[in-house]
Amino acid sequence: MDDIFVLNNISLDLDGNKILKELKFSITKNDFLGILGPSGSGKTTLLKLMIGLYPPTSGELFYKGKSFSDALPQIRKEVGFASQKYSFYSDLTLKENLTYFGRLYNLKKELLTERIDQVLTLVELTPHKDKKVMHISGGMQRRLDIACAMIHDPEVLFLDEPFTGLDPQLREHILLLIKKIWSQGKTIVLSSHFINEMEGQCKKVCILKEGSLLTYGTPIDIRKNNTTLYELTLQTSPGKYPAIASYLADKGLNITKYALKENKLVLYLPKEGVPYNYLRNVLIGLPEINEFLLNIKIDTISFEEIFEELVNKK
């Protein structure tokens, strides 16, 4: 059986508030699961529940076929967790931090020395091992935090908002590191608010809102099951786009809404079908309003827009 975590109608109440509501999904071996949701949706709480910091109020949580209570010692041994807030000590060196966390897991001296070398190599921080953490960059600190979570060689790695506070280049670096860890056979579960980046990397995605599961599955399936619109992107010259949108609407094109993006006009059309022949004939007529077509693209709406549609539904 490849299921590592199985959540069966899991709910969690904290301080009289229902934080998680009847969540039902599973995580299999070598999954790369992205947990998405607006602020306050329960992403961090869900991660903390799965690593054993909170017992569920109701429902059943299984780890490798064992009940939550029976599996808790095993979960703590086989799971690593890097929180959104750094766990290391800034006045210690990188090596001293890794030694400290390794001893928390009761790693023997020889194994600990081996693991420190391995994780420092993995996160590309070996040359900096004797520096105090306060003297390394933010991107290095994020990599160190992941190294601390990996010191005991966990099977499953939980990462809570690992891209927070990083510029696009550093986010890409951390993402490449996470993919490297995943390629070693690890199971990755991470929360993030970088929606489109998660679509391109995660095998599966679950989207939360106010503690409830809106959708769960592969990005392709989520696109297929939740897309109600197509995007028609036009680039014209001289590019009087509001006038073009009005012109196309007057010609009978069913435009749900439109937006201007990167000097292009994006029209949103119903999914029922794009009338290609009719559309072609309408676009041929653009010179009537002194506009000339330079480029055209038809695609489903972005994953981020699908996310916005889902979380904004009442």
C-alpha atoms as a PDB file:
ATOM      1  CA  MET A   1       0.000   0.000   0.000  1.00  0.00           C
ATOM      2  CA  ASP A   2       1.489   3.336  -1.093  1.00  0.00           C
ATOM      3  CA  ASP A   3      -0.710   5.590   1.063  1.00  0.00           C
ATOM      4  CA  ILE A   4       1.345   7.374   3.710  1.00  0.00           C
ATOM      5  CA  PHE A   5      -1.274   9.722   5.146  1.00  0.00           C
ATOM      6  CA  VAL A   6      -5.025   9.132   4.869  1.00  0.00           C
ATOM      7  CA  LEU A   7      -7.394  11.784   6.190  1.00  0.00           C
ATOM      8  CA  ASN A   8     -10.947  10.548   6.588  1.00  0.00           C
ATOM      9  CA  ASN A   9     -13.382  13.375   7.411  1.00  0.00           C
ATOM     10  CA  ILE A  10     -10.858  15.098   9.683  1.00  0.00           C
ATOM     11  CA  SER A  11     -12.078  18.085  11.704  1.00  0.00           C
ATOM     12  CA  LEU A  12     -10.201  20.167  14.260  1.00  0.00           C
ATOM     13  CA  ASP A  13     -11.577  22.548  16.878  1.00  0.00           C
ATOM     14  CA  LEU A  14      -9.282  24.990  18.686  1.00  0.00           C
ATOM     15  CA  ASP A  15     -10.471  27.344  21.421  1.00  0.00           C
ATOM     16  CA  GLY A  16     -14.074  26.680  20.448  1.00  0.00           C
ATOM     17  CA  ASN A  17     -13.490  27.472  16.763  1.00  0.00           C
ATOM     18  CA  LYS A  18     -13.743  24.905  13.968  1.00  0.00           C
ATOM     19  CA  ILE A  19     -10.426  25.351  12.150  1.00  0.00           C
ATOM     20  CA  LEU A  20     -10.551  22.309   9.855  1.00  0.00           C
ATOM     21  CA  LYS A  21     -13.798  20.815   8.557  1.00  0.00           C
ATOM     22  CA  GLU A  22     -14.245  17.217   7.396  1.00  0.00           C
ATOM     23  CA  LEU A  23     -11.123  17.014   5.242  1.00  0.00           C
ATOM     24  CA  LYS A  24     -10.845  13.868   3.161  1.00  0.00           C
ATOM     25  CA  PHE A  25      -7.818  13.065   0.976  1.00  0.00           C
ATOM     26  CA  SER A  26      -4.678  10.934   0.951  1.00  0.00           C
ATOM     27  CA  ILE A  27      -0.953  11.404   0.400  1.00  0.00           C
ATOM     28  CA  THR A  28       0.939   8.603  -1.297  1.00  0.00           C
ATOM     29  CA  LYS A  29       4.621   7.696  -1.312  1.00  0.00           C
ATOM     30  CA  ASN A  30       6.771  10.198  -3.296  1.00  0.00           C
ATOM     31  CA  ASP A  31       3.863  12.616  -3.678  1.00  0.00           C
ATOM     32  CA  PHE A  32       4.583  16.310  -4.166  1.00  0.00           C
ATOM     33  CA  LEU A  33       1.491  17.919  -2.649  1.00  0.00           C
ATOM     34  CA  GLY A  34       0.860  21.666  -2.671  1.00  0.00           C
ATOM     35  CA  ILE A  35      -1.594  23.025  -0.100  1.00  0.00           C
ATOM     36  CA  LEU A  36      -3.044  26.322  -1.285  1.00  0.00           C
ATOM     37  CA  GLY A  37      -5.525  28.724   0.226  1.00  0.00           C
ATOM     38  CA  PRO A  38      -6.040  32.329   1.273  1.00  0.00           C
ATOM     39  CA  SER A  39      -4.798  33.593   4.626  1.00  0.00           C
ATOM     40  CA  GLY A  40      -6.720  31.951   7.453  1.00  0.00           C
ATOM     41  CA  SER A  41      -7.770  28.927   5.404  1.00  0.00           C
ATOM     42  CA  GLY A  42      -6.063  26.444   7.752  1.00  0.00           C
ATOM     43  CA  LYS A  43      -2.943  25.537   5.725  1.00  0.00           C
ATOM     44  CA  THR A  44      -0.451  25.753   8.606  1.00  0.00           C
ATOM     45  CA  THR A  45      -2.867  24.101  11.029  1.00  0.00           C
ATOM     46  CA  LEU A  46      -3.335  21.198   8.627  1.00  0.00           C
ATOM     47  CA  LEU A  47       0.432  20.682   8.408  1.00  0.00           C
ATOM     48  CA  LYS A  48       0.760  20.789  12.186  1.00  0.00           C
ATOM     49  CA  LEU A  49      -2.053  18.267  12.554  1.00  0.00           C
ATOM     50  CA  MET A  50      -0.391  15.819  10.173  1.00  0.00           C
ATOM     51  CA  ILE A  51       2.957  16.003  12.002  1.00  0.00           C
ATOM     52  CA  GLY A  52       1.265  15.298  15.308  1.00  0.00           C
ATOM     53  CA  LEU A  53       1.123  18.697  17.011  1.00  0.00           C
ATOM     54  CA  TYR A  54      -2.699  18.590  17.112  1.00  0.00           C
ATOM     55  CA  PRO A  55      -4.880  15.502  17.492  1.00  0.00           C
ATOM     56  CA  PRO A  56      -7.996  15.642  15.294  1.00  0.00           C
ATOM     57  CA  THR A  57     -11.246  16.505  17.052  1.00  0.00           C
ATOM     58  CA  SER A  58     -13.183  14.084  14.855  1.00  0.00           C
ATOM     59  CA  GLY A  59     -12.596  11.821  11.894  1.00  0.00           C
ATOM     60  CA  GLU A  60      -9.746   9.397  11.337  1.00  0.00           C
ATOM     61  CA  LEU A  61      -6.110  10.078  10.466  1.00  0.00           C
ATOM     62  CA  PHE A  62      -3.909   7.173   9.423  1.00  0.00           C
ATOM     63  CA  TYR A  63      -0.164   6.993   8.865  1.00  0.00           C
ATOM     64  CA  LYS A  64       0.981   3.965   6.884  1.00  0.00           C
ATOM     65  CA  GLY A  65      -2.216   2.195   7.871  1.00  0.00           C
ATOM     66  CA  LYS A  66      -1.886   2.910  11.591  1.00  0.00           C
ATOM     67  CA  SER A  67      -4.190   5.135  13.619  1.00  0.00           C
ATOM     68  CA  PHE A  68      -2.943   8.603  14.555  1.00  0.00           C
ATOM     69  CA  SER A  69      -2.352   7.759  18.234  1.00  0.00           C
ATOM     70  CA  ASP A  70      -0.576   4.479  17.484  1.00  0.00           C
ATOM     71  CA  ALA A  71       1.581   6.028  14.744  1.00  0.00           C
ATOM     72  CA  LEU A  72       2.578   9.222  16.581  1.00  0.00           C
ATOM     73  CA  PRO A  73       6.069   8.030  17.661  1.00  0.00           C
ATOM     74  CA  GLN A  74       6.693   6.800  14.112  1.00  0.00           C
ATOM     75  CA  ILE A  75       5.453  10.085  12.592  1.00  0.00           C
ATOM     76  CA  ARG A  76       7.843  12.093  14.745  1.00  0.00           C
ATOM     77  CA  LYS A  77      10.726   9.855  13.708  1.00  0.00           C
ATOM     78  CA  GLU A  78       9.977   9.699   9.971  1.00  0.00           C
ATOM     79  CA  VAL A  79       8.675  13.221   9.253  1.00  0.00           C
ATOM     80  CA  GLY A  80      10.589  16.499   8.957  1.00  0.00           C
ATOM     81  CA  PHE A  81       9.006  19.938   9.341  1.00  0.00           C
ATOM     82  CA  ALA A  82      10.303  23.389   8.382  1.00  0.00           C
ATOM     83  CA  SER A  83       7.990  26.097   9.666  1.00  0.00           C
ATOM     84  CA  GLN A  84       7.421  29.502   8.126  1.00  0.00           C
ATOM     85  CA  LYS A  85       9.371  31.001  11.039  1.00  0.00           C
ATOM     86  CA  TYR A  86      12.968  29.820  11.230  1.00  0.00           C
ATOM     87  CA  SER A  87      13.757  27.205  13.884  1.00  0.00           C
ATOM     88  CA  PHE A  88      17.531  27.635  14.084  1.00  0.00           C
ATOM     89  CA  TYR A  89      19.586  29.778  16.480  1.00  0.00           C
ATOM     90  CA  SER A  90      21.177  32.842  14.856  1.00  0.00           C
ATOM     91  CA  ASP A  91      24.108  33.056  17.266  1.00  0.00           C
ATOM     92  CA  LEU A  92      25.220  29.482  16.511  1.00  0.00           C
ATOM     93  CA  THR A  93      27.095  28.333  13.422  1.00  0.00           C
ATOM     94  CA  LEU A  94      25.422  26.265  10.735  1.00  0.00           C
ATOM     95  CA  LYS A  95      27.220  23.142  11.944  1.00  0.00           C
ATOM     96  CA  GLU A  96      26.297  23.836  15.581  1.00  0.00           C
ATOM     97  CA  ASN A  97      22.623  24.210  14.640  1.00  0.00           C
ATOM     98  CA  LEU A  98      22.626  20.923  12.736  1.00  0.00           C
ATOM     99  CA  THR A  99      24.405  19.208  15.634  1.00  0.00           C
ATOM    100  CA  TYR A 100      21.760  20.494  18.046  1.00  0.00           C
ATOM    101  CA  PHE A 101      18.835  19.256  15.938  1.00  0.00           C
ATOM    102  CA  GLY A 102      20.552  15.945  15.264  1.00  0.00           C
ATOM    103  CA  ARG A 103      20.951  15.341  18.995  1.00  0.00           C
ATOM    104  CA  LEU A 104      17.236  16.029  19.482  1.00  0.00           C
ATOM    105  CA  TYR A 105      16.684  12.999  17.253  1.00  0.00           C
ATOM    106  CA  ASN A 106      19.232  10.988  19.277  1.00  0.00           C
ATOM    107  CA  LEU A 107      21.544  10.487  16.317  1.00  0.00           C
ATOM    108  CA  LYS A 108      24.776   8.744  17.325  1.00  0.00           C
ATOM    109  CA  LYS A 109      27.970  10.780  16.939  1.00  0.00           C
ATOM    110  CA  GLU A 110      29.283   9.043  13.794  1.00  0.00           C
ATOM    111  CA  LEU A 111      25.895   9.059  12.067  1.00  0.00           C
ATOM    112  CA  LEU A 112      25.326  12.691  13.046  1.00  0.00           C
ATOM    113  CA  THR A 113      28.688  13.726  11.556  1.00  0.00           C
ATOM    114  CA  GLU A 114      27.778  11.875   8.356  1.00  0.00           C
ATOM    115  CA  ARG A 115      24.313  13.421   8.187  1.00  0.00           C
ATOM    116  CA  ILE A 116      25.671  16.958   8.758  1.00  0.00           C
ATOM    117  CA  ASP A 117      28.036  16.522   5.818  1.00  0.00           C
ATOM    118  CA  GLN A 118      25.223  15.099   3.663  1.00  0.00           C
ATOM    119  CA  VAL A 119      22.653  17.825   4.328  1.00  0.00           C
ATOM    120  CA  LEU A 120      25.191  20.640   3.998  1.00  0.00           C
ATOM    121  CA  THR A 121      26.154  19.230   0.607  1.00  0.00           C
ATOM    122  CA  LEU A 122      22.485  18.851  -0.340  1.00  0.00           C
ATOM    123  CA  VAL A 123      21.673  22.495   0.409  1.00  0.00           C
ATOM    124  CA  GLU A 124      25.030  23.717  -0.949  1.00  0.00           C
ATOM    125  CA  LEU A 125      26.174  25.312   2.296  1.00  0.00           C
ATOM    126  CA  THR A 126      29.324  23.293   3.103  1.00  0.00           C
ATOM    127  CA  PRO A 127      31.698  26.275   2.635  1.00  0.00           C
ATOM    128  CA  HIS A 128      29.681  28.240   5.210  1.00  0.00           C
ATOM    129  CA  LYS A 129      29.350  25.565   7.911  1.00  0.00           C
ATOM    130  CA  ASP A 130      31.480  27.444  10.484  1.00  0.00           C
ATOM    131  CA  LYS A 131      29.780  30.810   9.988  1.00  0.00           C
ATOM    132  CA  LYS A 132      27.255  32.096  12.491  1.00  0.00           C
ATOM    133  CA  VAL A 133      23.764  32.058  10.999  1.00  0.00           C
ATOM    134  CA  MET A 134      23.343  35.803  11.606  1.00  0.00           C
ATOM    135  CA  HIS A 135      26.095  36.404   9.045  1.00  0.00           C
ATOM    136  CA  ILE A 136      24.565  34.493   6.086  1.00  0.00           C
ATOM    137  CA  SER A 137      21.933  35.693   3.602  1.00  0.00           C
ATOM    138  CA  GLY A 138      18.180  35.139   3.803  1.00  0.00           C
ATOM    139  CA  GLY A 139      18.261  32.554   1.031  1.00  0.00           C
ATOM    140  CA  MET A 140      21.006  30.620   2.837  1.00  0.00           C
ATOM    141  CA  GLN A 141      18.991  30.770   6.064  1.00  0.00           C
ATOM    142  CA  ARG A 142      15.997  29.239   4.301  1.00  0.00           C
ATOM    143  CA  ARG A 143      18.210  26.432   2.980  1.00  0.00           C
ATOM    144  CA  LEU A 144      19.650  25.893   6.459  1.00  0.00           C
ATOM    145  CA  ASP A 145      16.151  25.622   7.909  1.00  0.00           C
ATOM    146  CA  ILE A 146      15.347  22.889   5.371  1.00  0.00           C
ATOM    147  CA  ALA A 147      18.651  21.188   6.252  1.00  0.00           C
ATOM    148  CA  CYS A 148      17.682  21.183   9.940  1.00  0.00           C
ATOM    149  CA  ALA A 149      14.368  19.513   9.021  1.00  0.00           C
ATOM    150  CA  MET A 150      16.287  16.917   6.980  1.00  0.00           C
ATOM    151  CA  ILE A 151      19.004  16.074   9.536  1.00  0.00           C
ATOM    152  CA  HIS A 152      17.336  12.784  10.600  1.00  0.00           C
ATOM    153  CA  ASP A 153      16.747  11.680   6.981  1.00  0.00           C
ATOM    154  CA  PRO A 154      12.913  11.797   7.097  1.00  0.00           C
ATOM    155  CA  GLU A 155      10.710  10.003   4.589  1.00  0.00           C
ATOM    156  CA  VAL A 156       8.252  12.914   4.467  1.00  0.00           C
ATOM    157  CA  LEU A 157       9.172  16.611   4.459  1.00  0.00           C
ATOM    158  CA  PHE A 158       6.597  19.254   5.404  1.00  0.00           C
ATOM    159  CA  LEU A 159       7.393  22.822   4.383  1.00  0.00           C
ATOM    160  CA  ASP A 160       5.228  25.730   5.546  1.00  0.00           C
ATOM    161  CA  GLU A 161       5.458  28.675   3.125  1.00  0.00           C
ATOM    162  CA  PRO A 162       9.117  28.023   2.172  1.00  0.00           C
ATOM    163  CA  PHE A 163       9.178  30.926  -0.333  1.00  0.00           C
ATOM    164  CA  THR A 164       8.055  33.643   2.084  1.00  0.00           C
ATOM    165  CA  GLY A 165      10.251  36.748   2.003  1.00  0.00           C
ATOM    166  CA  LEU A 166      12.357  35.578  -0.951  1.00  0.00           C
ATOM    167  CA  ASP A 167      12.766  37.371  -4.271  1.00  0.00           C
ATOM    168  CA  PRO A 168      11.921  35.478  -7.506  1.00  0.00           C
ATOM    169  CA  GLN A 169      15.503  34.302  -8.065  1.00  0.00           C
ATOM    170  CA  LEU A 170      15.834  32.914  -4.534  1.00  0.00           C
ATOM    171  CA  ARG A 171      12.380  31.301  -4.789  1.00  0.00           C
ATOM    172  CA  GLU A 172      13.573  29.497  -7.907  1.00  0.00           C
ATOM    173  CA  HIS A 173      16.710  28.338  -6.047  1.00  0.00           C
ATOM    174  CA  ILE A 174      14.672  26.964  -3.129  1.00  0.00           C
ATOM    175  CA  LEU A 175      12.225  25.301  -5.522  1.00  0.00           C
ATOM    176  CA  LEU A 176      15.106  23.547  -7.302  1.00  0.00           C
ATOM    177  CA  LEU A 177      16.373  22.354  -3.910  1.00  0.00           C
ATOM    178  CA  ILE A 178      12.938  20.993  -2.988  1.00  0.00           C
ATOM    179  CA  LYS A 179      12.699  19.180  -6.332  1.00  0.00           C
ATOM    180  CA  LYS A 180      16.163  17.694  -5.724  1.00  0.00           C
ATOM    181  CA  ILE A 181      14.990  16.379  -2.340  1.00  0.00           C
ATOM    182  CA  TRP A 182      11.820  14.999  -3.947  1.00  0.00           C
ATOM    183  CA  SER A 183      13.871  13.262  -6.668  1.00  0.00           C
ATOM    184  CA  GLN A 184      15.621  11.292  -3.915  1.00  0.00           C
ATOM    185  CA  GLY A 185      12.367   9.465  -3.208  1.00  0.00           C
ATOM    186  CA  LYS A 186      11.082  11.741  -0.457  1.00  0.00           C
ATOM    187  CA  THR A 187       7.444  12.753  -0.094  1.00  0.00           C
ATOM    188  CA  ILE A 188       6.970  16.536  -0.117  1.00  0.00           C
ATOM    189  CA  VAL A 189       4.030  18.432   1.368  1.00  0.00           C
ATOM    190  CA  LEU A 190       4.216  22.207   1.236  1.00  0.00           C
ATOM    191  CA  SER A 191       1.934  25.165   1.708  1.00  0.00           C
ATOM    192  CA  SER A 192       2.316  28.249  -0.447  1.00  0.00           C
ATOM    193  CA  HIS A 193       0.501  31.262  -1.831  1.00  0.00           C
ATOM    194  CA  PHE A 194       2.492  31.257  -5.094  1.00  0.00           C
ATOM    195  CA  ILE A 195      -0.327  29.668  -7.071  1.00  0.00           C
ATOM    196  CA  ASN A 196       1.006  29.404 -10.626  1.00  0.00           C
ATOM    197  CA  GLU A 197       4.418  28.155  -9.472  1.00  0.00           C
ATOM    198  CA  MET A 198       2.735  25.318  -7.606  1.00  0.00           C
ATOM    199  CA  GLU A 199       0.754  24.286 -10.665  1.00  0.00           C
ATOM    200  CA  GLY A 200       3.955  23.668 -12.600  1.00  0.00           C
ATOM    201  CA  GLN A 201       5.713  21.696  -9.852  1.00  0.00           C
ATOM    202  CA  CYS A 202       3.236  19.760  -7.700  1.00  0.00           C
ATOM    203  CA  LYS A 203       1.907  16.324  -8.596  1.00  0.00           C
ATOM    204  CA  LYS A 204      -1.239  17.098  -6.598  1.00  0.00           C
ATOM    205  CA  VAL A 205      -2.846  20.198  -5.165  1.00  0.00           C
ATOM    206  CA  CYS A 206      -5.460  20.742  -2.492  1.00  0.00           C
ATOM    207  CA  ILE A 207      -7.153  24.109  -2.114  1.00  0.00           C
ATOM    208  CA  LEU A 208      -8.587  25.151   1.255  1.00  0.00           C
ATOM    209  CA  LYS A 209     -11.001  27.899   2.247  1.00  0.00           C
ATOM    210  CA  GLU A 210     -12.007  28.559   5.852  1.00  0.00           C
ATOM    211  CA  GLY A 211     -10.891  25.073   6.828  1.00  0.00           C
ATOM    212  CA  SER A 212     -12.846  23.271   4.124  1.00  0.00           C
ATOM    213  CA  LEU A 213     -11.427  21.396   1.141  1.00  0.00           C
ATOM    214  CA  LEU A 214     -12.559  23.067  -2.088  1.00  0.00           C
ATOM    215  CA  THR A 215     -10.790  20.719  -4.474  1.00  0.00           C
ATOM    216  CA  TYR A 216      -8.062  18.076  -4.528  1.00  0.00           C
ATOM    217  CA  GLY A 217      -6.279  16.384  -7.412  1.00  0.00           C
ATOM    218  CA  THR A 218      -3.689  16.851 -10.112  1.00  0.00           C
ATOM    219  CA  PRO A 219      -3.364  20.372 -11.542  1.00  0.00           C
ATOM    220  CA  ILE A 220      -4.627  19.020 -14.898  1.00  0.00           C
ATOM    221  CA  ASP A 221      -7.759  17.560 -13.296  1.00  0.00           C
ATOM    222  CA  ILE A 222      -8.404  20.739 -11.301  1.00  0.00           C
ATOM    223  CA  ARG A 223      -8.119  22.782 -14.499  1.00  0.00           C
ATOM    224  CA  LYS A 224     -10.456  20.449 -16.379  1.00  0.00           C
ATOM    225  CA  ASN A 225     -13.080  20.292 -13.636  1.00  0.00           C
ATOM    226  CA  ASN A 226     -13.097  23.950 -12.593  1.00  0.00           C
ATOM    227  CA  THR A 227     -12.440  26.000 -15.718  1.00  0.00           C
ATOM    228  CA  THR A 228     -15.519  27.916 -16.838  1.00  0.00           C
ATOM    229  CA  LEU A 229     -13.806  30.373 -19.174  1.00  0.00           C
ATOM    230  CA  TYR A 230     -11.302  30.582 -21.992  1.00  0.00           C
ATOM    231  CA  GLU A 231      -8.778  33.367 -22.404  1.00  0.00           C
ATOM    232  CA  LEU A 232      -8.489  35.025 -25.792  1.00  0.00           C
ATOM    233  CA  THR A 233      -5.313  37.148 -25.803  1.00  0.00           C
ATOM    234  CA  LEU A 234      -4.897  39.740 -28.562  1.00  0.00           C
ATOM    235  CA  GLN A 235      -1.998  41.994 -29.394  1.00  0.00           C
ATOM    236  CA  THR A 236      -2.811  44.720 -31.906  1.00  0.00           C
ATOM    237  CA  SER A 237      -1.437  47.970 -33.218  1.00  0.00           C
ATOM    238  CA  PRO A 238      -1.820  50.724 -32.134  1.00  0.00           C
ATOM    239  CA  GLY A 239      -3.573  48.879 -29.303  1.00  0.00           C
ATOM    240  CA  LYS A 240      -6.641  50.862 -28.243  1.00  0.00           C
ATOM    241  CA  TYR A 241      -7.855  47.853 -26.296  1.00  0.00           C
ATOM    242  CA  PRO A 242     -11.016  49.155 -24.565  1.00  0.00           C
ATOM    243  CA  ALA A 243     -12.280  50.223 -28.002  1.00  0.00           C
ATOM    244  CA  ILE A 244     -11.476  46.759 -29.393  1.00  0.00           C
ATOM    245  CA  ALA A 245     -13.374  45.074 -26.554  1.00  0.00           C
ATOM    246  CA  SER A 246     -16.398  47.264 -27.253  1.00  0.00           C
ATOM    247  CA  TYR A 247     -16.126  46.568 -30.996  1.00  0.00           C
ATOM    248  CA  LEU A 248     -16.021  42.781 -30.484  1.00  0.00           C
ATOM    249  CA  ALA A 249     -18.939  42.893 -28.040  1.00  0.00           C
ATOM    250  CA  ASP A 250     -20.965  44.918 -30.571  1.00  0.00           C
ATOM    251  CA  LYS A 251     -20.189  42.220 -33.145  1.00  0.00           C
ATOM    252  CA  GLY A 252     -21.831  39.646 -30.878  1.00  0.00           C
ATOM    253  CA  LEU A 253     -18.816  38.038 -29.187  1.00  0.00           C
ATOM    254  CA  ASN A 254     -19.896  36.798 -25.737  1.00  0.00           C
ATOM    255  CA  ILE A 255     -17.267  38.522 -23.564  1.00  0.00           C
ATOM    256  CA  THR A 256     -17.655  37.770 -19.855  1.00  0.00           C
ATOM    257  CA  LYS A 257     -14.958  40.293 -18.890  1.00  0.00           C
ATOM    258  CA  TYR A 258     -11.686  41.666 -20.201  1.00  0.00           C
ATOM    259  CA  ALA A 259      -8.354  42.805 -18.800  1.00  0.00           C
ATOM    260  CA  LEU A 260      -5.158  44.490 -19.990  1.00  0.00           C
ATOM    261  CA  LYS A 261      -1.986  42.478 -19.315  1.00  0.00           C
ATOM    262  CA  GLU A 262       1.535  43.252 -20.519  1.00  0.00           C
ATOM    263  CA  ASN A 263       0.314  45.486 -23.360  1.00  0.00           C
ATOM    264  CA  LYS A 264      -2.164  42.838 -24.510  1.00  0.00           C
ATOM    265  CA  LEU A 265      -5.930  42.520 -24.384  1.00  0.00           C
ATOM    266  CA  VAL A 266      -7.239  39.443 -22.575  1.00  0.00           C
ATOM    267  CA  LEU A 267     -10.873  38.555 -23.241  1.00  0.00           C
ATOM    268  CA  TYR A 268     -12.680  35.945 -21.153  1.00  0.00           C
ATOM    269  CA  LEU A 269     -15.118  33.793 -23.129  1.00  0.00           C
ATOM    270  CA  PRO A 270     -17.509  31.055 -21.902  1.00  0.00           C
ATOM    271  CA  LYS A 271     -16.176  27.509 -21.958  1.00  0.00           C
ATOM    272  CA  GLU A 272     -19.131  26.204 -23.994  1.00  0.00           C
ATOM    273  CA  GLY A 273     -17.105  26.792 -27.093  1.00  0.00           C
ATOM    274  CA  VAL A 274     -15.123  29.420 -28.917  1.00  0.00           C
ATOM    275  CA  PRO A 275     -16.697  30.109 -32.352  1.00  0.00           C
ATOM    276  CA  TYR A 276     -13.410  29.975 -34.264  1.00  0.00           C
ATOM    277  CA  ASN A 277     -14.731  30.712 -37.760  1.00  0.00           C
ATOM    278  CA  TYR A 278     -16.916  33.536 -36.508  1.00  0.00           C
ATOM    279  CA  LEU A 279     -14.043  34.850 -34.388  1.00  0.00           C
ATOM    280  CA  ARG A 280     -11.719  34.833 -37.398  1.00  0.00           C
ATOM    281  CA  ASN A 281     -14.210  36.808 -39.466  1.00  0.00           C
ATOM    282  CA  VAL A 282     -14.687  39.339 -36.681  1.00  0.00           C
ATOM    283  CA  LEU A 283     -10.937  39.813 -36.188  1.00  0.00           C
ATOM    284  CA  ILE A 284     -10.419  40.281 -39.921  1.00  0.00           C
ATOM    285  CA  GLY A 285     -12.650  43.336 -39.511  1.00  0.00           C
ATOM    286  CA  LEU A 286     -10.390  45.081 -36.983  1.00  0.00           C
ATOM    287  CA  PRO A 287      -9.056  47.515 -39.621  1.00  0.00           C
ATOM    288  CA  GLU A 288     -12.581  49.009 -39.585  1.00  0.00           C
ATOM    289  CA  ILE A 289     -11.533  50.670 -36.322  1.00  0.00           C
ATOM    290  CA  ASN A 290      -7.926  51.212 -37.467  1.00  0.00           C
ATOM    291  CA  GLU A 291      -6.510  48.296 -35.481  1.00  0.00           C
ATOM    292  CA  PHE A 292      -4.250  45.609 -36.930  1.00  0.00           C
ATOM    293  CA  LEU A 293      -3.847  42.144 -35.405  1.00  0.00           C
ATOM    294  CA  LEU A 294      -0.255  41.230 -34.446  1.00  0.00           C
ATOM    295  CA  ASN A 295      -0.764  38.116 -32.322  1.00  0.00           C
ATOM    296  CA  ILE A 296      -3.552  35.903 -30.996  1.00  0.00           C
ATOM    297  CA  LYS A 297      -3.658  33.111 -28.425  1.00  0.00           C
ATOM    298  CA  ILE A 298      -6.516  31.026 -27.033  1.00  0.00           C
ATOM    299  CA  ASP A 299      -6.039  29.092 -23.794  1.00  0.00           C
ATOM    300  CA  THR A 300      -7.832  28.071 -20.623  1.00  0.00           C
ATOM    301  CA  ILE A 301      -7.629  30.637 -17.837  1.00  0.00           C
ATOM    302  CA  SER A 302      -4.572  30.591 -15.581  1.00  0.00           C
ATOM    303  CA  PHE A 303      -4.381  28.359 -12.529  1.00  0.00           C
ATOM    304  CA  GLU A 304      -4.276  31.454 -10.348  1.00  0.00           C
ATOM    305  CA  GLU A 305      -7.562  32.656 -11.839  1.00  0.00           C
ATOM    306  CA  ILE A 306      -9.118  29.221 -11.287  1.00  0.00           C
ATOM    307  CA  PHE A 307      -7.961  29.498  -7.667  1.00  0.00           C
ATOM    308  CA  GLU A 308      -9.551  32.948  -7.363  1.00  0.00           C
ATOM    309  CA  GLU A 309     -12.828  31.670  -8.857  1.00  0.00           C
ATOM    310  CA  LEU A 310     -12.949  28.793  -6.377  1.00  0.00           C
ATOM    311  CA  VAL A 311     -12.143  30.758  -3.219  1.00  0.00           C
ATOM    312  CA  ASN A 312     -14.453  33.643  -4.154  1.00  0.00           C
ATOM    313  CA  LYS A 313     -17.503  31.455  -4.756  1.00  0.00           C
ATOM    314  CA  LYS A 314     -20.177  31.933  -2.113  1.00  0.00           C
END
